[in-house]
C-alpha atoms as a PDB file:
ATOM      1  CA  MET A   1       0.000   0.000   0.000  1.00  0.00           C
ATOM      2  CA  LYS A   2       1.602   3.236  -1.139  1.00  0.00           C
ATOM      3  CA  TYR A   3       0.697   6.838  -2.021  1.00  0.00           C
ATOM      4  CA  GLU A   4       2.661   9.047  -4.403  1.00  0.00           C
ATOM      5  CA  SER A   5       2.025  12.556  -5.686  1.00  0.00           C
ATOM      6  CA  ASN A   6       4.070  15.120  -7.628  1.00  0.00           C
ATOM      7  CA  GLN A   7       3.650  18.894  -7.856  1.00  0.00           C
ATOM      8  CA  THR A   8       5.559  21.106 -10.235  1.00  0.00           C
ATOM      9  CA  GLY A   9       6.203  24.724  -9.262  1.00  0.00           C
ATOM     10  CA  TRP A  10       5.619  26.324 -12.668  1.00  0.00           C
ATOM     11  CA  LEU A  11       5.679  29.892 -11.345  1.00  0.00           C
ATOM     12  CA  PHE A  12       8.997  29.192  -9.628  1.00  0.00           C
ATOM     13  CA  ILE A  13      10.433  27.655 -12.831  1.00  0.00           C
ATOM     14  CA  ILE A  14       9.328  30.680 -14.879  1.00  0.00           C
ATOM     15  CA  LEU A  15      10.742  33.215 -12.401  1.00  0.00           C
ATOM     16  CA  ILE A  16      14.125  31.486 -12.046  1.00  0.00           C
ATOM     17  CA  SER A  17      14.373  30.927 -15.815  1.00  0.00           C
ATOM     18  CA  ALA A  18      13.553  34.587 -16.482  1.00  0.00           C
ATOM     19  CA  THR A  19      16.219  35.617 -13.969  1.00  0.00           C
ATOM     20  CA  VAL A  20      18.806  33.414 -15.702  1.00  0.00           C
ATOM     21  CA  ILE A  21      17.874  34.922 -19.085  1.00  0.00           C
ATOM     22  CA  VAL A  22      18.113  38.510 -17.777  1.00  0.00           C
ATOM     23  CA  ILE A  23      21.496  37.851 -16.152  1.00  0.00           C
ATOM     24  CA  THR A  24      22.817  36.210 -19.327  1.00  0.00           C
ATOM     25  CA  PHE A  25      21.628  39.054 -21.571  1.00  0.00           C
ATOM     26  CA  SER A  26      23.010  41.681 -19.200  1.00  0.00           C
ATOM     27  CA  TYR A  27      26.414  40.005 -19.473  1.00  0.00           C
ATOM     28  CA  TYR A  28      26.410  39.654 -23.258  1.00  0.00           C
ATOM     29  CA  LEU A  29      25.107  43.211 -23.790  1.00  0.00           C
ATOM     30  CA  GLN A  30      27.436  44.556 -21.058  1.00  0.00           C
ATOM     31  CA  LEU A  31      24.623  46.569 -19.489  1.00  0.00           C
ATOM     32  CA  GLY A  32      25.182  49.140 -16.730  1.00  0.00           C
ATOM     33  CA  ASP A  33      28.110  51.164 -15.493  1.00  0.00           C
ATOM     34  CA  ASN A  34      29.780  48.116 -13.950  1.00  0.00           C
ATOM     35  CA  PRO A  35      28.917  45.136 -16.196  1.00  0.00           C
ATOM     36  CA  LEU A  36      29.163  41.535 -15.052  1.00  0.00           C
ATOM     37  CA  SER A  37      32.456  39.718 -15.424  1.00  0.00           C
ATOM     38  CA  MET A  38      32.584  36.181 -16.821  1.00  0.00           C
ATOM     39  CA  ASN A  39      33.271  34.812 -13.316  1.00  0.00           C
ATOM     40  CA  SER A  40      30.256  36.687 -11.908  1.00  0.00           C
ATOM     41  CA  LEU A  41      28.082  35.318 -14.714  1.00  0.00           C
ATOM     42  CA  ARG A  42      29.270  31.756 -14.075  1.00  0.00           C
ATOM     43  CA  LEU A  43      28.661  32.070 -10.335  1.00  0.00           C
ATOM     44  CA  ALA A  44      25.184  33.582 -10.776  1.00  0.00           C
ATOM     45  CA  LEU A  45      24.157  30.949 -13.339  1.00  0.00           C
ATOM     46  CA  PHE A  46      25.505  28.157 -11.139  1.00  0.00           C
ATOM     47  CA  VAL A  47      23.587  29.398  -8.077  1.00  0.00           C
ATOM     48  CA  PHE A  48      20.273  29.943  -9.899  1.00  0.00           C
ATOM     49  CA  ILE A  49      20.445  26.638 -11.774  1.00  0.00           C
ATOM     50  CA  LEU A  50      21.324  24.831  -8.531  1.00  0.00           C
ATOM     51  CA  ILE A  51      18.295  26.432  -6.856  1.00  0.00           C
ATOM     52  CA  LEU A  52      16.102  25.505  -9.830  1.00  0.00           C
ATOM     53  CA  ILE A  53      17.046  21.814  -9.936  1.00  0.00           C
ATOM     54  CA  ASN A  54      16.600  21.496  -6.170  1.00  0.00           C
ATOM     55  CA  PHE A  55      13.184  23.161  -5.839  1.00  0.00           C
ATOM     56  CA  TYR A  56      11.267  22.831  -9.128  1.00  0.00           C
ATOM     57  CA  LYS A  57       9.183  19.870  -7.916  1.00  0.00           C
ATOM     58  CA  LEU A  58       7.739  18.423  -4.719  1.00  0.00           C
ATOM     59  CA  LYS A  59       7.195  14.680  -4.503  1.00  0.00           C
ATOM     60  CA  ILE A  60       5.237  13.154  -1.631  1.00  0.00           C
ATOM     61  CA  ARG A  61       5.563   9.409  -1.120  1.00  0.00           C
ATOM     62  CA  VAL A  62       4.028   7.446   1.726  1.00  0.00           C
ATOM     63  CA  ASP A  63       4.955   3.781   2.003  1.00  0.00           C
ATOM     64  CA  ASP A  64       6.177   1.232   4.551  1.00  0.00           C
ATOM     65  CA  THR A  65       9.325   3.286   5.231  1.00  0.00           C
ATOM     66  CA  GLY A  66       7.283   6.332   6.306  1.00  0.00           C
ATOM     67  CA  ILE A  67       6.449   9.723   4.812  1.00  0.00           C
ATOM     68  CA  ASN A  68       9.009  10.872   2.247  1.00  0.00           C
ATOM     69  CA  ILE A  69       9.131  14.450   0.997  1.00  0.00           C
ATOM     70  CA  LEU A  70      11.508  15.016  -1.914  1.00  0.00           C
ATOM     71  CA  TYR A  71      12.294  18.352  -3.523  1.00  0.00           C
ATOM     72  CA  GLY A  72      13.604  18.692  -7.075  1.00  0.00           C
ATOM     73  CA  ILE A  73      15.991  15.958  -8.167  1.00  0.00           C
ATOM     74  CA  GLY A  74      15.954  14.461  -4.666  1.00  0.00           C
ATOM     75  CA  LEU A  75      18.994  16.024  -3.003  1.00  0.00           C
ATOM     76  CA  ILE A  76      16.609  17.468  -0.409  1.00  0.00           C
ATOM     77  CA  HIS A  77      14.846  14.435   1.059  1.00  0.00           C
ATOM     78  CA  ILE A  78      12.902  14.649   4.300  1.00  0.00           C
ATOM     79  CA  LYS A  79      11.913  11.304   5.795  1.00  0.00           C
ATOM     80  CA  ILE A  80       9.441  11.076   8.665  1.00  0.00           C
ATOM     81  CA  GLN A  81       8.768   7.817  10.481  1.00  0.00           C
ATOM     82  CA  PRO A  82       5.986   8.514  12.955  1.00  0.00           C
ATOM     83  CA  ASP A  83       5.653   6.166  15.927  1.00  0.00           C
ATOM     84  CA  ALA A  84       1.961   7.116  16.138  1.00  0.00           C
ATOM     85  CA  MET A  85      -0.277   9.605  14.387  1.00  0.00           C
ATOM     86  CA  VAL A  86      -2.680  11.575  16.525  1.00  0.00           C
ATOM     87  CA  SER A  87      -4.602  13.458  13.839  1.00  0.00           C
ATOM     88  CA  VAL A  88      -4.649  14.281  10.152  1.00  0.00           C
ATOM     89  CA  GLN A  89      -6.626  17.202   8.746  1.00  0.00           C
ATOM     90  CA  THR A  90      -6.863  19.152   5.510  1.00  0.00           C
ATOM     91  CA  VAL A  91      -6.056  22.846   5.888  1.00  0.00           C
ATOM     92  CA  LYS A  92      -5.536  26.003   3.852  1.00  0.00           C
ATOM     93  CA  THR A  93      -2.150  27.526   4.577  1.00  0.00           C
ATOM     94  CA  SER A  94      -1.824  31.250   4.998  1.00  0.00           C
ATOM     95  CA  TRP A  95      -0.283  33.129   2.097  1.00  0.00           C
ATOM     96  CA  LEU A  96       2.070  34.573   4.725  1.00  0.00           C
ATOM     97  CA  SER A  97       3.534  31.087   5.261  1.00  0.00           C
ATOM     98  CA  GLY A  98       5.022  31.152   1.769  1.00  0.00           C
ATOM     99  CA  PHE A  99       6.448  28.253  -0.189  1.00  0.00           C
ATOM    100  CA  GLY A 100       9.389  25.934   0.236  1.00  0.00           C
ATOM    101  CA  ILE A 101      10.601  24.609   3.569  1.00  0.00           C
ATOM    102  CA  ARG A 102       9.392  26.800   6.430  1.00  0.00           C
ATOM    103  CA  ILE A 103       9.178  26.815  10.196  1.00  0.00           C
ATOM    104  CA  THR A 104       5.715  28.130  11.093  1.00  0.00           C
ATOM    105  CA  PHE A 105       3.647  28.506  14.256  1.00  0.00           C
ATOM    106  CA  ASN A 106       2.066  25.158  13.291  1.00  0.00           C
ATOM    107  CA  GLY A 107       5.341  23.228  12.939  1.00  0.00           C
ATOM    108  CA  MET A 108       7.232  22.542   9.716  1.00  0.00           C
ATOM    109  CA  LEU A 109       5.675  23.397   6.350  1.00  0.00           C
ATOM    110  CA  TYR A 110       6.725  21.754   3.089  1.00  0.00           C
ATOM    111  CA  ASN A 111       4.987  23.358   0.124  1.00  0.00           C
ATOM    112  CA  ILE A 112       5.681  24.283  -3.490  1.00  0.00           C
ATOM    113  CA  GLN A 113       2.428  25.719  -4.837  1.00  0.00           C
ATOM    114  CA  GLY A 114      -1.093  26.536  -3.753  1.00  0.00           C
ATOM    115  CA  ARG A 115      -2.545  26.767  -0.270  1.00  0.00           C
ATOM    116  CA  ASP A 116      -4.117  23.300   0.072  1.00  0.00           C
ATOM    117  CA  ALA A 117      -2.309  21.109   2.571  1.00  0.00           C
ATOM    118  CA  VAL A 118      -2.532  18.280   5.063  1.00  0.00           C
ATOM    119  CA  ARG A 119      -1.579  18.913   8.700  1.00  0.00           C
ATOM    120  CA  ILE A 120      -0.300  15.883  10.589  1.00  0.00           C
ATOM    121  CA  ASN A 121       0.054  15.679  14.372  1.00  0.00           C
ATOM    122  CA  TYR A 122       2.230  12.730  15.353  1.00  0.00           C
ATOM    123  CA  PHE A 123       4.642  11.311  17.913  1.00  0.00           C
ATOM    124  CA  GLN A 124       8.241  10.592  17.028  1.00  0.00           C
ATOM    125  CA  ASP A 125      10.872   9.567  19.570  1.00  0.00           C
ATOM    126  CA  GLY A 126       8.455  10.382  22.400  1.00  0.00           C
ATOM    127  CA  LYS A 127       7.889  13.965  21.233  1.00  0.00           C
ATOM    128  CA  SER A 128       4.712  15.493  19.843  1.00  0.00           C
ATOM    129  CA  LYS A 129       5.308  17.093  16.435  1.00  0.00           C
ATOM    130  CA  THR A 130       3.255  18.865  13.781  1.00  0.00           C
ATOM    131  CA  LEU A 131       3.926  18.831  10.071  1.00  0.00           C
ATOM    132  CA  THR A 132       2.081  20.489   7.182  1.00  0.00           C
ATOM    133  CA  ILE A 133       2.543  19.161   3.649  1.00  0.00           C
ATOM    134  CA  GLY A 134       1.253  21.095   0.637  1.00  0.00           C
ATOM    135  CA  SER A 135      -0.696  18.883  -1.729  1.00  0.00           C
ATOM    136  CA  LYS A 136      -2.711  19.221  -4.917  1.00  0.00           C
ATOM    137  CA  GLU A 137      -4.964  16.422  -3.618  1.00  0.00           C
ATOM    138  CA  PRO A 138      -5.150  16.915   0.161  1.00  0.00           C
ATOM    139  CA  ASP A 139      -8.316  14.858   0.667  1.00  0.00           C
ATOM    140  CA  LYS A 140      -6.790  11.796  -0.993  1.00  0.00           C
ATOM    141  CA  LEU A 141      -3.575  12.134   1.048  1.00  0.00           C
ATOM    142  CA  LYS A 142      -5.575  12.574   4.274  1.00  0.00           C
ATOM    143  CA  VAL A 143      -7.654   9.443   3.660  1.00  0.00           C
ATOM    144  CA  PHE A 144      -4.545   7.434   2.785  1.00  0.00           C
ATOM    145  CA  LEU A 145      -2.704   8.536   5.956  1.00  0.00           C
ATOM    146  CA  GLU A 146      -5.760   7.797   8.134  1.00  0.00           C
ATOM    147  CA  ARG A 147      -5.995   4.289   6.722  1.00  0.00           C
ATOM    148  CA  LYS A 148      -2.260   3.566   6.824  1.00  0.00           C
ATOM    149  CA  TYR A 149      -1.680   4.843  10.349  1.00  0.00           C
ATOM    150  CA  LYS A 150      -5.138   3.953  11.698  1.00  0.00           C
ATOM    151  CA  VAL A 151      -6.031   7.504  12.747  1.00  0.00           C
ATOM    152  CA  GLY A 152      -9.564   8.428  13.785  1.00  0.00           C
END
């Protein structure tokens, strides 16, 4: 029994790609009073492309190993193995919470687009924790988690 879902952050991809294009054109056209050097261009392109490949997608996978949250190509991989789940609920995150990996008043937030999410209250290593995962299908994820971890 396993659940898997992918979300692509199209707005993020467009914004980072546009930034890369603007930086590249500003170098080749030598814009401004102090134009970019080749080393500055290489560094900027490296940083923005690294950010892009690490955060363009969010993959949620729930299986026998636990809850796996993978960003981009998988270099950022969060694995949660709850001892016991207390509650699972669908929520709308605040626009103030933002996107990405965040520490919020409601615990950790992992999100890439939209405001729909699933909030999970669980015990791990004897501590009560809260986690919110952004999802394009929060109801389906909630039902799956309730069945898998026998919540409710």
